[in-house]
N, C-alpha and C. Protein backbone atom coordinates (compact mmCIF):
# COMPACT_ATOMS: atom_id res chain seq x y z
N UNK A 1 1.04 -0.99 0.13
CA UNK A 1 -0.07 0.55 -0.07
C UNK A 1 0.82 1.27 -0.13
N UNK A 2 0.50 2.40 -0.97
CA UNK A 2 1.39 3.21 -0.68
C UNK A 2 0.62 4.57 -0.24
N UNK A 3 1.18 5.71 0.45
CA UNK A 3 -0.04 7.22 -0.01
C UNK A 3 0.79 8.15 -0.27
N UNK A 4 0.38 8.72 -0.84
CA UNK A 4 0.73 10.53 -1.54
C UNK A 4 0.47 11.77 -0.99
N UNK A 5 2.18 12.03 0.15
CA UNK A 5 1.53 13.05 1.04
C UNK A 5 1.42 14.52 0.21
N UNK A 6 0.51 15.11 0.34
CA UNK A 6 0.02 17.17 -0.44
C UNK A 6 0.88 16.39 -1.65
N UNK A 7 0.28 15.65 -3.12
CA UNK A 7 1.19 15.40 -3.85
C UNK A 7 2.28 15.57 -3.99
N UNK A 8 2.80 15.55 -3.34
CA UNK A 8 4.35 15.65 -3.21
C UNK A 8 5.20 14.32 -2.84
N UNK A 9 5.33 13.55 -1.89
CA UNK A 9 6.13 12.97 -1.12
C UNK A 9 5.21 11.37 -0.94
N UNK A 10 5.33 10.22 -1.08
CA UNK A 10 5.29 8.93 -2.02
C UNK A 10 6.16 7.97 -0.50
N UNK A 11 4.82 7.32 0.51
CA UNK A 11 5.41 7.01 1.23
C UNK A 11 4.97 5.44 0.76
N UNK A 12 5.70 4.58 0.82
CA UNK A 12 5.28 3.17 0.65
C UNK A 12 4.88 2.60 2.06
N UNK A 13 3.85 2.15 2.56
CA UNK A 13 3.86 1.14 3.66
C UNK A 13 4.55 0.32 4.11
N UNK A 14 5.02 -0.93 3.06
CA UNK A 14 5.17 -1.89 3.66
C UNK A 14 6.77 -1.58 3.63
N UNK A 15 7.27 -0.67 3.44
CA UNK A 15 8.43 0.30 4.14
C UNK A 15 8.98 0.11 5.56
N UNK A 16 7.60 0.26 6.09
CA UNK A 16 7.58 1.29 7.49
C UNK A 16 7.71 -0.21 8.48
N UNK A 17 8.63 -0.28 9.55
CA UNK A 17 8.50 -1.34 10.40
C UNK A 17 7.32 -1.43 11.51
N UNK A 18 7.34 0.11 11.76
CA UNK A 18 6.58 0.34 12.80
C UNK A 18 4.94 1.35 12.69
N UNK A 19 3.86 0.42 12.96
CA UNK A 19 2.80 1.93 13.06
C UNK A 19 2.82 2.89 14.21
N UNK A 20 2.14 4.23 13.66
CA UNK A 20 1.96 4.92 14.69
C UNK A 20 0.94 4.84 16.05
N UNK A 21 1.33 5.44 17.66
CA UNK A 21 0.09 4.81 18.33
C UNK A 21 -0.13 6.34 18.01
N UNK A 22 -2.09 6.22 17.85
CA UNK A 22 -2.83 7.12 18.16
C UNK A 22 -4.02 6.96 18.77
N UNK A 23 -4.23 8.04 19.86
CA UNK A 23 -5.53 7.51 20.75
C UNK A 23 -6.24 8.81 20.48
N UNK A 24 -7.11 9.05 20.62
CA UNK A 24 -8.32 10.13 20.94
C UNK A 24 -8.69 10.58 22.12
N UNK A 25 -8.00 12.01 21.94
CA UNK A 25 -7.87 12.84 23.22
C UNK A 25 -9.44 13.37 23.67
N UNK A 26 -9.75 13.64 22.30
CA UNK A 26 -11.15 14.66 22.77
C UNK A 26 -11.84 14.58 20.85
N UNK A 27 -13.21 15.21 21.48
CA UNK A 27 -13.85 14.92 20.34
C UNK A 27 -13.18 15.87 18.76
N UNK A 28 -12.51 15.04 18.38
CA UNK A 28 -12.11 14.98 16.55
C UNK A 28 -10.39 15.57 16.74
N UNK A 29 -10.16 15.38 17.74
CA UNK A 29 -9.01 15.77 17.99
C UNK A 29 -8.28 13.73 18.38
N UNK A 30 -7.13 13.78 18.40
CA UNK A 30 -6.02 12.63 18.15
C UNK A 30 -4.80 13.07 18.74
N UNK A 31 -4.29 11.94 19.64
CA UNK A 31 -2.92 12.14 20.06
C UNK A 31 -2.11 11.06 19.13
N UNK A 32 -0.82 11.41 18.57
CA UNK A 32 0.02 10.43 18.01
C UNK A 32 1.39 10.54 18.09
N UNK A 33 1.67 9.65 18.48
CA UNK A 33 3.22 9.25 18.84
C UNK A 33 3.91 7.58 18.32
N UNK A 34 4.82 8.65 16.98
CA UNK A 34 5.38 8.01 16.27
C UNK A 34 6.63 8.59 15.77
N UNK A 35 7.82 7.09 15.73
CA UNK A 35 9.02 7.26 15.86
C UNK A 35 9.60 8.46 16.91
N UNK A 36 9.27 8.17 17.80
CA UNK A 36 9.59 9.34 19.06
C UNK A 36 9.20 10.74 18.98
N UNK A 37 8.45 10.76 18.77
CA UNK A 37 7.50 11.98 18.06
C UNK A 37 6.73 12.19 18.77
N UNK A 38 6.06 13.80 19.29
CA UNK A 38 4.79 13.72 19.60
C UNK A 38 4.14 14.42 18.51
N UNK A 39 2.27 13.91 18.14
CA UNK A 39 2.02 14.85 17.30
C UNK A 39 0.59 14.94 17.86
N UNK A 40 -0.50 16.26 17.01
CA UNK A 40 -1.81 16.79 17.52
C UNK A 40 -2.35 16.38 16.20
N UNK A 41 -3.66 15.73 16.11
CA UNK A 41 -3.81 15.65 14.68
C UNK A 41 -5.62 16.08 14.97
N UNK A 42 -6.23 16.47 13.92
CA UNK A 42 -7.35 17.72 14.19
C UNK A 42 -8.34 17.51 13.42
N UNK A 43 -9.87 17.50 12.90
CA UNK A 43 -9.62 17.59 11.30
C UNK A 43 -10.01 16.66 10.74
N UNK A 44 -10.16 15.63 11.13
CA UNK A 44 -10.15 14.47 9.81
C UNK A 44 -11.32 14.14 9.53
N UNK A 45 -11.06 14.52 7.89
CA UNK A 45 -12.10 14.08 6.78
C UNK A 45 -11.48 13.31 5.98
N UNK A 46 -12.18 12.25 5.77
CA UNK A 46 -12.04 11.19 4.92
C UNK A 46 -12.96 10.55 4.00
N UNK A 47 -12.72 10.40 2.43
CA UNK A 47 -13.84 9.90 1.73
C UNK A 47 -12.61 8.72 1.40
N UNK A 48 -13.47 7.84 1.65
CA UNK A 48 -13.34 6.62 0.76
C UNK A 48 -13.20 6.03 -0.05
N UNK A 49 -14.50 6.42 -0.58
CA UNK A 49 -14.24 6.27 -2.47
C UNK A 49 -13.51 7.01 -2.89
N UNK A 50 -12.73 8.41 -2.89
CA UNK A 50 -11.97 8.71 -3.27
C UNK A 50 -10.50 8.17 -3.07
N UNK A 51 -10.64 6.92 -1.95
CA UNK A 51 -9.78 7.18 -1.14
C UNK A 51 -8.70 8.62 -0.79
N UNK A 52 -9.58 9.48 -0.17
CA UNK A 52 -8.11 10.84 0.59
C UNK A 52 -8.89 10.81 2.24
N UNK A 53 -7.60 11.24 2.15
CA UNK A 53 -8.26 11.65 3.84
C UNK A 53 -7.01 12.78 3.76
N UNK A 54 -8.02 13.80 4.44
CA UNK A 54 -7.41 15.04 5.03
C UNK A 54 -7.38 15.60 6.17
N UNK A 55 -6.36 15.75 7.16
CA UNK A 55 -6.06 16.64 8.11
C UNK A 55 -5.50 17.36 8.46
N UNK A 56 -5.24 18.32 9.93
CA UNK A 56 -4.48 19.49 10.05
C UNK A 56 -3.86 18.71 11.18
N UNK A 57 -2.52 18.21 11.14
CA UNK A 57 -1.02 17.93 12.58
C UNK A 57 -0.61 18.98 12.62
N UNK A 58 -0.17 18.82 14.34
CA UNK A 58 0.51 19.99 14.59
C UNK A 58 0.19 21.90 14.09
N UNK A 59 -0.77 21.70 13.84
CA UNK A 59 -1.22 23.60 12.75
C UNK A 59 -0.44 23.50 11.53
N UNK A 60 -0.83 22.25 10.82
CA UNK A 60 -0.23 22.33 9.39
C UNK A 60 -1.02 21.05 8.24
N UNK A 61 -1.34 21.70 7.07
CA UNK A 61 -2.19 20.71 7.10
C UNK A 61 -1.81 19.62 5.50
N UNK A 62 -2.67 18.18 5.74
CA UNK A 62 -2.01 17.34 5.02
C UNK A 62 -3.21 17.17 3.92
N UNK A 63 -2.67 16.56 2.87
CA UNK A 63 -3.68 15.52 2.34
C UNK A 63 -3.13 14.63 1.73
N UNK A 64 -3.98 12.97 1.82
CA UNK A 64 -3.56 11.69 2.27
C UNK A 64 -4.07 11.40 0.87
N UNK A 65 -3.81 10.89 -0.36
CA UNK A 65 -4.30 9.88 -1.50
C UNK A 65 -3.51 8.30 -1.53
N UNK A 66 -4.80 7.33 -0.78
CA UNK A 66 -4.37 6.30 -0.59
C UNK A 66 -4.64 5.50 -2.12
N UNK A 67 -3.29 4.86 -1.96
CA UNK A 67 -3.20 3.63 -2.61
C UNK A 67 -3.43 2.25 -3.02
N UNK A 68 -3.82 1.38 -3.07
CA UNK A 68 -4.09 -0.01 -2.54
C UNK A 68 -3.18 -1.01 -3.40
N UNK A 69 -3.16 -2.00 -3.24
CA UNK A 69 -2.30 -2.80 -4.24
C UNK A 69 -2.75 -3.11 -5.63
N UNK A 70 -3.87 -3.09 -5.11
CA UNK A 70 -5.29 -3.54 -6.21
C UNK A 70 -5.13 -1.53 -7.19
N UNK A 71 -4.65 -1.18 -7.13
CA UNK A 71 -4.57 1.02 -7.41
C UNK A 71 -2.99 0.61 -8.28
N UNK A 72 -2.57 0.22 -7.89
CA UNK A 72 -0.87 -0.55 -8.37
C UNK A 72 -0.53 -0.71 -8.90
N UNK A 73 -1.18 -2.39 -9.16
CA UNK A 73 -1.19 -3.13 -10.10
C UNK A 73 -1.88 -2.36 -11.44
N UNK A 74 -3.11 -1.67 -11.28
CA UNK A 74 -3.65 -1.01 -12.61
C UNK A 74 -2.82 -0.15 -12.72
N UNK A 75 -2.05 1.04 -11.78
CA UNK A 75 -0.96 2.04 -13.33
C UNK A 75 -0.11 1.57 -13.52
N UNK A 76 0.79 -0.12 -12.86
CA UNK A 76 1.64 -0.50 -13.62
C UNK A 76 1.41 -1.04 -14.69
N UNK A 77 0.06 -2.02 -14.72
CA UNK A 77 -0.33 -2.29 -16.34
C UNK A 77 -1.65 -1.04 -16.86
N UNK A 78 -0.77 0.08 -16.86
CA UNK A 78 -1.78 1.37 -18.32
C UNK A 78 -2.77 1.32 -17.95
N UNK A 79 -3.56 1.12 -17.03
CA UNK A 79 -4.71 1.33 -17.03
C UNK A 79 -5.16 2.28 -16.59
N UNK A 80 -6.70 2.38 -16.54
CA UNK A 80 -7.39 3.25 -16.34
C UNK A 80 -8.66 2.45 -15.19
N UNK A 81 -8.81 3.11 -14.06
CA UNK A 81 -10.74 2.59 -13.88
C UNK A 81 -11.34 3.64 -13.98
N UNK A 82 -10.56 4.95 -14.48
CA UNK A 82 -12.10 6.08 -15.01
C UNK A 82 -12.73 5.58 -15.97
N UNK A 83 -13.99 6.23 -16.14
CA UNK A 83 -14.71 5.63 -17.62
C UNK A 83 -14.67 7.00 -17.68
N UNK A 84 -14.73 8.28 -19.17
CA UNK A 84 -15.31 9.53 -19.46
C UNK A 84 -17.15 9.88 -18.75
N UNK A 85 -17.14 10.74 -18.06
CA UNK A 85 -18.29 11.14 -17.63
C UNK A 85 -18.07 12.74 -18.12
N UNK A 86 -19.28 12.84 -19.28
CA UNK A 86 -20.00 14.42 -19.09
C UNK A 86 -20.23 15.44 -17.58
N UNK A 87 -19.49 15.99 -17.24
CA UNK A 87 -19.54 16.71 -16.06
C UNK A 87 -20.70 18.04 -16.47
N UNK A 88 -20.94 18.16 -15.41
CA UNK A 88 -22.16 19.21 -15.42
C UNK A 88 -22.62 20.37 -14.40
N UNK A 89 -22.15 19.75 -13.14
CA UNK A 89 -22.56 20.67 -12.26
C UNK A 89 -21.40 20.22 -11.54
N UNK A 90 -20.41 21.33 -10.50
CA UNK A 90 -19.35 20.97 -9.68
C UNK A 90 -19.97 21.54 -8.56
N UNK A 91 -20.47 20.18 -7.37
CA UNK A 91 -20.88 20.70 -5.76
C UNK A 91 -20.25 20.80 -4.49
N UNK A 92 -20.34 21.90 -3.97
CA UNK A 92 -20.08 21.79 -2.78
C UNK A 92 -19.72 20.24 -1.98
N UNK A 93 -18.28 19.68 -1.50
CA UNK A 93 -18.36 18.95 -0.97
C UNK A 93 -18.28 18.35 0.03
N UNK A 94 -18.51 20.13 1.32
CA UNK A 94 -18.69 20.58 2.12
C UNK A 94 -19.28 21.94 2.44
N UNK A 95 -19.57 22.22 3.83
CA UNK A 95 -19.95 23.42 4.28
C UNK A 95 -18.36 24.13 3.92
N UNK A 96 -18.58 25.64 3.74
CA UNK A 96 -17.71 26.53 2.83
C UNK A 96 -17.57 27.59 3.30
N UNK A 97 -16.26 28.54 3.38
CA UNK A 97 -15.91 29.54 2.97
C UNK A 97 -15.67 29.85 1.61
N UNK A 98 -15.37 30.43 0.55
CA UNK A 98 -14.79 30.27 -1.09
C UNK A 98 -14.00 31.76 -1.10
N UNK A 99 -13.04 31.07 -0.97
CA UNK A 99 -11.77 31.52 -0.73
C UNK A 99 -11.09 32.08 -1.45
N UNK A 100 -11.26 31.62 -2.94
CA UNK A 100 -10.58 32.08 -4.12
C UNK A 100 -11.25 31.75 -5.60
N UNK A 101 -11.66 32.11 -6.54
CA UNK A 101 -11.84 31.56 -7.91
C UNK A 101 -11.29 31.51 -8.85
N UNK A 102 -10.49 30.34 -9.34
CA UNK A 102 -9.70 30.55 -9.89
C UNK A 102 -9.73 30.48 -11.63
N UNK A 103 -11.55 30.92 -11.99
CA UNK A 103 -11.73 30.36 -13.40
C UNK A 103 -12.79 31.10 -13.55
N UNK A 104 -13.09 32.22 -15.13
CA UNK A 104 -14.24 32.52 -15.02
C UNK A 104 -15.11 31.56 -16.21
N UNK A 105 -16.53 32.28 -16.53
CA UNK A 105 -17.25 31.91 -17.18
C UNK A 105 -16.75 32.05 -18.89
N UNK A 106 -16.68 30.87 -19.28
CA UNK A 106 -16.33 30.40 -20.88
C UNK A 106 -15.07 30.40 -20.66
N UNK A 107 -14.47 30.07 -19.72
CA UNK A 107 -12.89 28.81 -19.79
C UNK A 107 -12.90 27.51 -20.20
N UNK A 108 -12.06 27.41 -20.68
CA UNK A 108 -11.84 25.77 -21.08
C UNK A 108 -10.73 24.84 -20.09
N UNK A 109 -11.17 23.97 -19.58
CA UNK A 109 -10.04 23.38 -18.42
C UNK A 109 -10.36 21.92 -18.34
N UNK A 110 -9.38 21.27 -18.50
CA UNK A 110 -9.12 19.79 -18.11
C UNK A 110 -9.19 19.08 -16.82
N UNK A 111 -9.17 18.35 -16.82
CA UNK A 111 -9.22 17.27 -16.11
C UNK A 111 -8.03 17.56 -14.45
N UNK A 112 -8.31 17.90 -13.30
CA UNK A 112 -7.35 18.17 -12.39
C UNK A 112 -7.28 20.26 -12.36
N UNK A 113 -7.62 21.21 -13.06
CA UNK A 113 -7.53 22.57 -13.23
C UNK A 113 -8.51 23.07 -12.21
N UNK A 114 -7.30 23.60 -10.83
CA UNK A 114 -7.71 24.21 -10.06
C UNK A 114 -9.20 25.65 -10.17
N UNK A 115 -10.08 24.70 -9.49
CA UNK A 115 -11.05 26.23 -10.23
C UNK A 115 -11.71 27.01 -9.15
N UNK A 116 -11.41 26.81 -7.71
CA UNK A 116 -11.66 27.72 -6.88
C UNK A 116 -10.75 26.75 -5.22
N UNK A 117 -11.01 27.94 -4.47
CA UNK A 117 -10.15 27.64 -3.12
C UNK A 117 -11.74 27.58 -2.06
N UNK A 118 -11.72 26.07 -1.11
CA UNK A 118 -12.92 26.30 -0.55
C UNK A 118 -11.90 25.87 0.68
N UNK A 119 -12.64 27.03 1.87
CA UNK A 119 -12.09 26.66 3.35
C UNK A 119 -13.48 26.00 4.19
N UNK A 120 -12.78 25.29 4.14
CA UNK A 120 -13.61 23.77 5.83
C UNK A 120 -12.91 23.63 6.82
N UNK A 121 -13.51 23.60 7.95
CA UNK A 121 -13.36 22.50 8.75
C UNK A 121 -11.56 23.64 9.08
N UNK A 122 -11.29 24.69 9.21
CA UNK A 122 -10.28 24.65 9.34
C UNK A 122 -8.60 24.70 7.86
N UNK A 123 -9.45 24.20 6.95
CA UNK A 123 -8.34 23.68 5.52
C UNK A 123 -8.99 24.45 4.56
N UNK A 124 -8.07 24.66 4.22
CA UNK A 124 -8.46 25.41 2.25
C UNK A 124 -8.21 24.25 1.56
N UNK A 125 -9.14 24.08 0.23
CA UNK A 125 -9.51 22.68 -0.02
C UNK A 125 -8.97 23.48 -1.12
N UNK A 126 -8.69 22.73 -2.36
CA UNK A 126 -8.73 22.98 -3.59
C UNK A 126 -9.54 22.15 -4.22
N UNK A 127 -10.62 22.96 -5.11
CA UNK A 127 -11.31 22.65 -5.60
C UNK A 127 -11.34 22.33 -7.41
N UNK A 128 -10.81 21.38 -7.76
CA UNK A 128 -10.18 20.46 -9.48
C UNK A 128 -11.58 20.51 -9.93
N UNK A 129 -11.01 20.49 -11.16
CA UNK A 129 -11.98 20.33 -12.55
C UNK A 129 -11.82 18.58 -12.60
N UNK A 130 -13.01 17.53 -11.76
CA UNK A 130 -13.17 16.24 -12.34
C UNK A 130 -12.78 15.72 -14.17
N UNK A 131 -13.29 16.84 -14.87
CA UNK A 131 -13.19 16.30 -16.40
C UNK A 131 -12.82 17.18 -16.69
N UNK A 132 -12.91 17.21 -18.47
CA UNK A 132 -12.58 18.00 -19.96
C UNK A 132 -13.99 18.95 -19.28
N UNK A 133 -13.76 20.44 -20.00
CA UNK A 133 -15.22 21.15 -19.89
C UNK A 133 -14.88 22.23 -20.72
N UNK A 134 -16.44 22.95 -20.61
CA UNK A 134 -16.03 24.54 -20.57
C UNK A 134 -16.71 25.25 -19.52
N UNK A 135 -16.00 26.30 -18.86
CA UNK A 135 -17.00 26.61 -17.50
C UNK A 135 -18.28 27.11 -18.36
N UNK A 136 -19.45 26.65 -18.09
CA UNK A 136 -20.68 28.17 -18.58
C UNK A 136 -21.36 29.12 -17.44
N UNK A 137 -21.05 28.68 -16.03
CA UNK A 137 -21.36 29.76 -15.11
C UNK A 137 -21.02 29.31 -13.59
N UNK A 138 -20.80 30.48 -12.83
CA UNK A 138 -20.08 30.10 -11.62
C UNK A 138 -21.29 31.03 -10.64
N UNK A 139 -21.46 29.65 -10.12
CA UNK A 139 -22.83 30.43 -9.45
C UNK A 139 -22.05 30.73 -7.56
N UNK A 140 -20.81 31.31 -6.99
CA UNK A 140 -20.97 31.39 -6.46
C UNK A 140 -19.51 32.72 -5.97
N UNK A 141 -19.55 33.54 -5.31
CA UNK A 141 -18.48 34.80 -4.91
C UNK A 141 -17.41 34.40 -4.20
N UNK A 142 -16.39 35.48 -4.23
CA UNK A 142 -15.41 34.92 -3.06
C UNK A 142 -15.66 35.78 -2.19
N UNK A 143 -16.00 35.13 -0.99
CA UNK A 143 -16.28 35.43 0.50
C UNK A 143 -17.83 34.93 0.60
N UNK A 144 -18.76 33.97 0.12
CA UNK A 144 -19.69 33.45 0.23
C UNK A 144 -19.59 31.90 1.03
N UNK A 145 -20.52 32.27 2.11
CA UNK A 145 -20.31 30.31 2.63
C UNK A 145 -21.65 29.69 2.16
N UNK A 146 -20.69 28.72 1.77
CA UNK A 146 -21.78 27.66 1.16
C UNK A 146 -22.38 26.67 1.91
N UNK A 147 -23.51 26.21 1.52
CA UNK A 147 -23.47 24.60 2.23
C UNK A 147 -23.40 23.50 1.48
N UNK A 148 -23.06 22.18 1.97
CA UNK A 148 -22.43 20.80 1.19
C UNK A 148 -23.31 20.80 -0.07
N UNK A 149 -23.04 19.96 -0.60
CA UNK A 149 -23.57 19.89 -2.12
C UNK A 149 -24.43 20.82 -2.94
N UNK A 150 -24.45 21.73 -2.28
CA UNK A 150 -24.64 23.50 -3.53
C UNK A 150 -23.71 23.76 -4.59
N UNK A 151 -24.30 23.94 -5.83
CA UNK A 151 -23.81 23.95 -6.64
C UNK A 151 -22.98 25.44 -7.27
N UNK A 152 -21.71 25.40 -7.13
CA UNK A 152 -20.75 26.26 -7.41
C UNK A 152 -20.99 26.59 -8.86
N UNK A 153 -20.03 25.53 -9.43
CA UNK A 153 -20.09 26.29 -11.18
C UNK A 153 -20.32 25.20 -11.57
N UNK A 154 -21.12 25.76 -13.38
CA UNK A 154 -21.87 24.61 -14.39
C UNK A 154 -21.20 24.55 -15.58
N UNK A 155 -20.87 23.14 -15.53
CA UNK A 155 -19.61 22.94 -16.84
C UNK A 155 -20.65 22.49 -17.67
N UNK A 156 -20.18 22.93 -19.31
CA UNK A 156 -20.92 22.53 -20.11
C UNK A 156 -19.80 21.52 -21.24
């Protein structure tokens, strides 16, 4: 199993001989000891379908992308589990505050293009395009507070 940290660093869990000790110290807060160091972990958000974990540790934000053995095998074979689908709406994955909008109506975007930054649970989340398309309309403004599943951007 592998974990990619903040889209920069890869960790192969099979190479780690010692797992961290983690205990819950308060509601939504955990204490972790690993490799003789102590850490405070807050604001854990887990997306099992996307295999991602977002959290804050010692006041620094982290985003983990987990790859199991099946994901690694598919990648080694050069295959893709993604199927092409037409994206029409980009909805908020959680309630939050729109900090920045990086696209305009009429812009052509590809998969992975940053669309906006949503602050939620004390973390800045970059919302990226899940596929290719053209921005039809933007339904939020910088500084707006939005609810979960609110339509933020329409695509065509």
